[in-house]
Amino acid sequence: MRSQPNSSRPLTEQEIRVLRLLAKGQSNKEIAATLCISPATAKRHLENILEKLSLKNRVAAAVYAVRQRII
């Protein structure tokens, strides 16, 4: 797991997977299919990512992933 500068809680490995797929332009439904999870679970992972990184939306999360070289 990587430690995140904006959070005292690091992203989980699954959250990092979700973030990578999000940054590649996948929707929650596509992320769910890729990771064999439900769309609701994918959405919850994204909510956790946004909260942990203090980001406002999925675009900001994608930009973060690129800047941090997560993808």
PDB file of N, CA and C in Angstrom:
ATOM      1  N   MET A   1       0.830  -1.183   0.000  1.00  0.00           N
ATOM      2  CA  MET A   1       0.000   0.000   0.000  1.00  0.00           C
ATOM      3  C   MET A   1       0.872   1.243   0.000  1.00  0.00           C
ATOM      4  N   ARG A   2       0.344   2.253  -0.659  1.00  0.00           N
ATOM      5  CA  ARG A   2       1.064   3.519  -0.687  1.00  0.00           C
ATOM      6  C   ARG A   2       0.471   4.464   0.337  1.00  0.00           C
ATOM      7  N   SER A   3       1.321   5.209   0.953  1.00  0.00           N
ATOM      8  CA  SER A   3       0.858   6.206   1.896  1.00  0.00           C
ATOM      9  C   SER A   3       0.439   7.442   1.107  1.00  0.00           C
ATOM     10  N   GLN A   4      -0.659   8.038   1.481  1.00  0.00           N
ATOM     11  CA  GLN A   4      -1.181   9.189   0.767  1.00  0.00           C
ATOM     12  C   GLN A   4      -0.887  10.459   1.555  1.00  0.00           C
ATOM     13  N   PRO A   5      -0.383  11.498   0.894  1.00  0.00           N
ATOM     14  CA  PRO A   5      -0.007  12.714   1.600  1.00  0.00           C
ATOM     15  C   PRO A   5      -1.175  13.454   2.238  1.00  0.00           C
ATOM     16  N   ASN A   6      -2.385  13.348   1.703  1.00  0.00           N
ATOM     17  CA  ASN A   6      -3.531  14.076   2.226  1.00  0.00           C
ATOM     18  C   ASN A   6      -4.323  13.279   3.258  1.00  0.00           C
ATOM     19  N   SER A   7      -3.837  12.134   3.643  1.00  0.00           N
ATOM     20  CA  SER A   7      -4.646  11.273   4.490  1.00  0.00           C
ATOM     21  C   SER A   7      -3.797  10.545   5.510  1.00  0.00           C
ATOM     22  N   SER A   8      -4.395  10.321   6.659  1.00  0.00           N
ATOM     23  CA  SER A   8      -3.707   9.502   7.652  1.00  0.00           C
ATOM     24  C   SER A   8      -3.979   8.031   7.388  1.00  0.00           C
ATOM     25  N   ARG A   9      -4.967   7.740   6.514  1.00  0.00           N
ATOM     26  CA  ARG A   9      -5.288   6.355   6.160  1.00  0.00           C
ATOM     27  C   ARG A   9      -4.852   6.102   4.723  1.00  0.00           C
ATOM     28  N   PRO A  10      -3.997   5.135   4.523  1.00  0.00           N
ATOM     29  CA  PRO A  10      -3.554   4.842   3.153  1.00  0.00           C
ATOM     30  C   PRO A  10      -4.657   4.152   2.355  1.00  0.00           C
ATOM     31  N   LEU A  11      -4.563   4.253   1.044  1.00  0.00           N
ATOM     32  CA  LEU A  11      -5.490   3.527   0.183  1.00  0.00           C
ATOM     33  C   LEU A  11      -5.201   2.037   0.279  1.00  0.00           C
ATOM     34  N   THR A  12      -6.250   1.237   0.232  1.00  0.00           N
ATOM     35  CA  THR A  12      -6.078  -0.211   0.200  1.00  0.00           C
ATOM     36  C   THR A  12      -5.632  -0.627  -1.202  1.00  0.00           C
ATOM     37  N   GLU A  13      -5.165  -1.836  -1.336  1.00  0.00           N
ATOM     38  CA  GLU A  13      -4.766  -2.335  -2.659  1.00  0.00           C
ATOM     39  C   GLU A  13      -5.954  -2.303  -3.619  1.00  0.00           C
ATOM     40  N   GLN A  14      -7.143  -2.662  -3.129  1.00  0.00           N
ATOM     41  CA  GLN A  14      -8.339  -2.650  -3.981  1.00  0.00           C
ATOM     42  C   GLN A  14      -8.688  -1.220  -4.402  1.00  0.00           C
ATOM     43  N   GLU A  15      -8.560  -0.273  -3.505  1.00  0.00           N
ATOM     44  CA  GLU A  15      -8.817   1.126  -3.851  1.00  0.00           C
ATOM     45  C   GLU A  15      -7.823   1.618  -4.891  1.00  0.00           C
ATOM     46  N   ILE A  16      -6.589   1.192  -4.795  1.00  0.00           N
ATOM     47  CA  ILE A  16      -5.594   1.564  -5.812  1.00  0.00           C
ATOM     48  C   ILE A  16      -5.971   0.964  -7.155  1.00  0.00           C
ATOM     49  N   ARG A  17      -6.457  -0.272  -7.178  1.00  0.00           N
ATOM     50  CA  ARG A  17      -6.920  -0.893  -8.431  1.00  0.00           C
ATOM     51  C   ARG A  17      -8.059  -0.080  -9.034  1.00  0.00           C
ATOM     52  N   VAL A  18      -9.013   0.287  -8.186  1.00  0.00           N
ATOM     53  CA  VAL A  18     -10.154   1.091  -8.645  1.00  0.00           C
ATOM     54  C   VAL A  18      -9.659   2.426  -9.195  1.00  0.00           C
ATOM     55  N   LEU A  19      -8.747   3.062  -8.501  1.00  0.00           N
ATOM     56  CA  LEU A  19      -8.203   4.353  -8.934  1.00  0.00           C
ATOM     57  C   LEU A  19      -7.506   4.235 -10.287  1.00  0.00           C
ATOM     58  N   ARG A  20      -6.752   3.173 -10.479  1.00  0.00           N
ATOM     59  CA  ARG A  20      -6.083   2.961 -11.780  1.00  0.00           C
ATOM     60  C   ARG A  20      -7.100   2.853 -12.910  1.00  0.00           C
ATOM     61  N   LEU A  21      -8.134   2.059 -12.689  1.00  0.00           N
ATOM     62  CA  LEU A  21      -9.152   1.867 -13.724  1.00  0.00           C
ATOM     63  C   LEU A  21      -9.939   3.150 -13.967  1.00  0.00           C
ATOM     64  N   LEU A  22     -10.228   3.873 -12.913  1.00  0.00           N
ATOM     65  CA  LEU A  22     -10.902   5.156 -13.033  1.00  0.00           C
ATOM     66  C   LEU A  22     -10.075   6.113 -13.884  1.00  0.00           C
ATOM     67  N   ALA A  23      -8.783   6.166 -13.615  1.00  0.00           N
ATOM     68  CA  ALA A  23      -7.892   7.063 -14.354  1.00  0.00           C
ATOM     69  C   ALA A  23      -7.773   6.666 -15.825  1.00  0.00           C
ATOM     70  N   LYS A  24      -8.067   5.409 -16.125  1.00  0.00           N
ATOM     71  CA  LYS A  24      -8.060   4.952 -17.515  1.00  0.00           C
ATOM     72  C   LYS A  24      -9.397   5.215 -18.205  1.00  0.00           C
ATOM     73  N   GLY A  25     -10.328   5.839 -17.464  1.00  0.00           N
ATOM     74  CA  GLY A  25     -11.586   6.249 -18.063  1.00  0.00           C
ATOM     75  C   GLY A  25     -12.746   5.297 -17.886  1.00  0.00           C
ATOM     76  N   GLN A  26     -12.581   4.281 -17.052  1.00  0.00           N
ATOM     77  CA  GLN A  26     -13.669   3.324 -16.867  1.00  0.00           C
ATOM     78  C   GLN A  26     -14.761   3.884 -15.950  1.00  0.00           C
ATOM     79  N   SER A  27     -15.998   3.529 -16.270  1.00  0.00           N
ATOM     80  CA  SER A  27     -17.141   3.884 -15.423  1.00  0.00           C
ATOM     81  C   SER A  27     -17.177   2.943 -14.218  1.00  0.00           C
ATOM     82  N   ASN A  28     -18.021   3.261 -13.251  1.00  0.00           N
ATOM     83  CA  ASN A  28     -18.169   2.375 -12.092  1.00  0.00           C
ATOM     84  C   ASN A  28     -18.600   0.983 -12.529  1.00  0.00           C
ATOM     85  N   LYS A  29     -19.506   0.909 -13.496  1.00  0.00           N
ATOM     86  CA  LYS A  29     -19.987  -0.380 -13.991  1.00  0.00           C
ATOM     87  C   LYS A  29     -18.848  -1.169 -14.646  1.00  0.00           C
ATOM     88  N   GLU A  30     -18.017  -0.488 -15.420  1.00  0.00           N
ATOM     89  CA  GLU A  30     -16.869  -1.156 -16.064  1.00  0.00           C
ATOM     90  C   GLU A  30     -15.834  -1.590 -15.035  1.00  0.00           C
ATOM     91  N   ILE A  31     -15.587  -0.745 -14.048  1.00  0.00           N
ATOM     92  CA  ILE A  31     -14.654  -1.098 -12.971  1.00  0.00           C
ATOM     93  C   ILE A  31     -15.155  -2.346 -12.252  1.00  0.00           C
ATOM     94  N   ALA A  32     -16.445  -2.361 -11.966  1.00  0.00           N
ATOM     95  CA  ALA A  32     -17.051  -3.512 -11.274  1.00  0.00           C
ATOM     96  C   ALA A  32     -16.858  -4.793 -12.084  1.00  0.00           C
ATOM     97  N   ALA A  33     -17.108  -4.719 -13.383  1.00  0.00           N
ATOM     98  CA  ALA A  33     -16.956  -5.901 -14.234  1.00  0.00           C
ATOM     99  C   ALA A  33     -15.501  -6.356 -14.293  1.00  0.00           C
ATOM    100  N   THR A  34     -14.588  -5.408 -14.405  1.00  0.00           N
ATOM    101  CA  THR A  34     -13.164  -5.740 -14.475  1.00  0.00           C
ATOM    102  C   THR A  34     -12.678  -6.420 -13.199  1.00  0.00           C
ATOM    103  N   LEU A  35     -13.137  -5.925 -12.055  1.00  0.00           N
ATOM    104  CA  LEU A  35     -12.668  -6.444 -10.761  1.00  0.00           C
ATOM    105  C   LEU A  35     -13.567  -7.525 -10.168  1.00  0.00           C
ATOM    106  N   CYS A  36     -14.621  -7.891 -10.907  1.00  0.00           N
ATOM    107  CA  CYS A  36     -15.575  -8.910 -10.433  1.00  0.00           C
ATOM    108  C   CYS A  36     -16.182  -8.532  -9.080  1.00  0.00           C
ATOM    109  N   ILE A  37     -16.614  -7.272  -8.993  1.00  0.00           N
ATOM    110  CA  ILE A  37     -17.307  -6.776  -7.808  1.00  0.00           C
ATOM    111  C   ILE A  37     -18.617  -6.142  -8.279  1.00  0.00           C
ATOM    112  N   SER A  38     -19.495  -5.816  -7.365  1.00  0.00           N
ATOM    113  CA  SER A  38     -20.749  -5.180  -7.756  1.00  0.00           C
ATOM    114  C   SER A  38     -20.516  -3.697  -8.049  1.00  0.00           C
ATOM    115  N   PRO A  39     -21.369  -3.105  -8.879  1.00  0.00           N
ATOM    116  CA  PRO A  39     -21.245  -1.663  -9.120  1.00  0.00           C
ATOM    117  C   PRO A  39     -21.359  -0.844  -7.829  1.00  0.00           C
ATOM    118  N   ALA A  40     -22.168  -1.301  -6.889  1.00  0.00           N
ATOM    119  CA  ALA A  40     -22.289  -0.594  -5.611  1.00  0.00           C
ATOM    120  C   ALA A  40     -20.974  -0.631  -4.835  1.00  0.00           C
ATOM    121  N   THR A  41     -20.275  -1.740  -4.904  1.00  0.00           N
ATOM    122  CA  THR A  41     -18.978  -1.851  -4.231  1.00  0.00           C
ATOM    123  C   THR A  41     -17.957  -0.945  -4.913  1.00  0.00           C
ATOM    124  N   ALA A  42     -17.978  -0.901  -6.223  1.00  0.00           N
ATOM    125  CA  ALA A  42     -17.072  -0.012  -6.957  1.00  0.00           C
ATOM    126  C   ALA A  42     -17.340   1.443  -6.558  1.00  0.00           C
ATOM    127  N   LYS A  43     -18.614   1.804  -6.476  1.00  0.00           N
ATOM    128  CA  LYS A  43     -18.988   3.157  -6.075  1.00  0.00           C
ATOM    129  C   LYS A  43     -18.496   3.462  -4.664  1.00  0.00           C
ATOM    130  N   ARG A  44     -18.641   2.503  -3.758  1.00  0.00           N
ATOM    131  CA  ARG A  44     -18.197   2.711  -2.377  1.00  0.00           C
ATOM    132  C   ARG A  44     -16.681   2.870  -2.296  1.00  0.00           C
ATOM    133  N   HIS A  45     -15.950   2.082  -3.081  1.00  0.00           N
ATOM    134  CA  HIS A  45     -14.489   2.244  -3.118  1.00  0.00           C
ATOM    135  C   HIS A  45     -14.138   3.652  -3.597  1.00  0.00           C
ATOM    136  N   LEU A  46     -14.833   4.129  -4.622  1.00  0.00           N
ATOM    137  CA  LEU A  46     -14.561   5.475  -5.127  1.00  0.00           C
ATOM    138  C   LEU A  46     -14.872   6.527  -4.065  1.00  0.00           C
ATOM    139  N   GLU A  47     -15.965   6.361  -3.351  1.00  0.00           N
ATOM    140  CA  GLU A  47     -16.298   7.289  -2.264  1.00  0.00           C
ATOM    141  C   GLU A  47     -15.197   7.303  -1.208  1.00  0.00           C
ATOM    142  N   ASN A  48     -14.682   6.120  -0.863  1.00  0.00           N
ATOM    143  CA  ASN A  48     -13.596   6.032   0.118  1.00  0.00           C
ATOM    144  C   ASN A  48     -12.339   6.723  -0.388  1.00  0.00           C
ATOM    145  N   ILE A  49     -12.028   6.529  -1.677  1.00  0.00           N
ATOM    146  CA  ILE A  49     -10.855   7.169  -2.276  1.00  0.00           C
ATOM    147  C   ILE A  49     -10.983   8.685  -2.179  1.00  0.00           C
ATOM    148  N   LEU A  50     -12.128   9.207  -2.594  1.00  0.00           N
ATOM    149  CA  LEU A  50     -12.342  10.657  -2.559  1.00  0.00           C
ATOM    150  C   LEU A  50     -12.225  11.198  -1.142  1.00  0.00           C
ATOM    151  N   GLU A  51     -12.785  10.479  -0.189  1.00  0.00           N
ATOM    152  CA  GLU A  51     -12.712  10.914   1.210  1.00  0.00           C
ATOM    153  C   GLU A  51     -11.273  10.885   1.722  1.00  0.00           C
ATOM    154  N   LYS A  52     -10.588   9.784   1.497  1.00  0.00           N
ATOM    155  CA  LYS A  52      -9.218   9.638   2.002  1.00  0.00           C
ATOM    156  C   LYS A  52      -8.270  10.666   1.399  1.00  0.00           C
ATOM    157  N   LEU A  53      -8.489  11.007   0.139  1.00  0.00           N
ATOM    158  CA  LEU A  53      -7.584  11.936  -0.543  1.00  0.00           C
ATOM    159  C   LEU A  53      -8.084  13.375  -0.529  1.00  0.00           C
ATOM    160  N   SER A  54      -9.226  13.596   0.110  1.00  0.00           N
ATOM    161  CA  SER A  54      -9.845  14.933   0.169  1.00  0.00           C
ATOM    162  C   SER A  54     -10.040  15.519  -1.225  1.00  0.00           C
ATOM    163  N   LEU A  55     -10.594  14.692  -2.112  1.00  0.00           N
ATOM    164  CA  LEU A  55     -10.865  15.115  -3.482  1.00  0.00           C
ATOM    165  C   LEU A  55     -12.364  15.273  -3.676  1.00  0.00           C
ATOM    166  N   LYS A  56     -12.752  16.123  -4.636  1.00  0.00           N
ATOM    167  CA  LYS A  56     -14.167  16.436  -4.827  1.00  0.00           C
ATOM    168  C   LYS A  56     -14.881  15.528  -5.804  1.00  0.00           C
ATOM    169  N   ASN A  57     -14.171  14.982  -6.791  1.00  0.00           N
ATOM    170  CA  ASN A  57     -14.853  14.179  -7.800  1.00  0.00           C
ATOM    171  C   ASN A  57     -13.893  13.221  -8.492  1.00  0.00           C
ATOM    172  N   ARG A  58     -14.442  12.398  -9.391  1.00  0.00           N
ATOM    173  CA  ARG A  58     -13.654  11.367 -10.060  1.00  0.00           C
ATOM    174  C   ARG A  58     -12.616  11.965 -11.001  1.00  0.00           C
ATOM    175  N   VAL A  59     -12.873  13.144 -11.555  1.00  0.00           N
ATOM    176  CA  VAL A  59     -11.879  13.795 -12.418  1.00  0.00           C
ATOM    177  C   VAL A  59     -10.652  14.164 -11.588  1.00  0.00           C
ATOM    178  N   ALA A  60     -10.882  14.730 -10.418  1.00  0.00           N
ATOM    179  CA  ALA A  60      -9.767  15.079  -9.528  1.00  0.00           C
ATOM    180  C   ALA A  60      -9.005  13.822  -9.119  1.00  0.00           C
ATOM    181  N   ALA A  61      -9.718  12.726  -8.922  1.00  0.00           N
ATOM    182  CA  ALA A  61      -9.059  11.461  -8.564  1.00  0.00           C
ATOM    183  C   ALA A  61      -8.202  10.952  -9.716  1.00  0.00           C
ATOM    184  N   ALA A  62      -8.701  11.079 -10.937  1.00  0.00           N
ATOM    185  CA  ALA A  62      -7.930  10.651 -12.106  1.00  0.00           C
ATOM    186  C   ALA A  62      -6.668  11.498 -12.264  1.00  0.00           C
ATOM    187  N   VAL A  63      -6.808  12.793 -12.077  1.00  0.00           N
ATOM    188  CA  VAL A  63      -5.643  13.690 -12.152  1.00  0.00           C
ATOM    189  C   VAL A  63      -4.635  13.315 -11.068  1.00  0.00           C
ATOM    190  N   TYR A  64      -5.115  13.044  -9.871  1.00  0.00           N
ATOM    191  CA  TYR A  64      -4.246  12.636  -8.777  1.00  0.00           C
ATOM    192  C   TYR A  64      -3.468  11.370  -9.152  1.00  0.00           C
ATOM    193  N   ALA A  65      -4.177  10.399  -9.719  1.00  0.00           N
ATOM    194  CA  ALA A  65      -3.543   9.128 -10.094  1.00  0.00           C
ATOM    195  C   ALA A  65      -2.419   9.355 -11.097  1.00  0.00           C
ATOM    196  N   VAL A  66      -2.649  10.224 -12.051  1.00  0.00           N
ATOM    197  CA  VAL A  66      -1.622  10.509 -13.064  1.00  0.00           C
ATOM    198  C   VAL A  66      -0.436  11.231 -12.420  1.00  0.00           C
ATOM    199  N   ARG A  67      -0.726  12.229 -11.628  1.00  0.00           N
ATOM    200  CA  ARG A  67       0.368  13.008 -10.980  1.00  0.00           C
ATOM    201  C   ARG A  67       1.195  12.168 -10.020  1.00  0.00           C
ATOM    202  N   GLN A  68       0.559  11.223  -9.344  1.00  0.00           N
ATOM    203  CA  GLN A  68       1.266  10.369  -8.399  1.00  0.00           C
ATOM    204  C   GLN A  68       1.855   9.122  -9.060  1.00  0.00           C
ATOM    205  N   ARG A  69       1.671   9.040 -10.362  1.00  0.00           N
ATOM    206  CA  ARG A  69       2.177   7.906 -11.150  1.00  0.00           C
ATOM    207  C   ARG A  69       1.618   6.565 -10.662  1.00  0.00           C
ATOM    208  N   ILE A  70       0.355   6.594 -10.293  1.00  0.00           N
ATOM    209  CA  ILE A  70      -0.330   5.370  -9.886  1.00  0.00           C
ATOM    210  C   ILE A  70      -0.690   4.566 -11.136  1.00  0.00           C
ATOM    211  N   ILE A  71      -0.858   5.270 -12.252  1.00  0.00           N
ATOM    212  CA  ILE A  71      -1.094   4.570 -13.510  1.00  0.00           C
ATOM    213  C   ILE A  71       0.103   4.742 -14.410  1.00  0.00           C
TER     214      ILE A  71
END
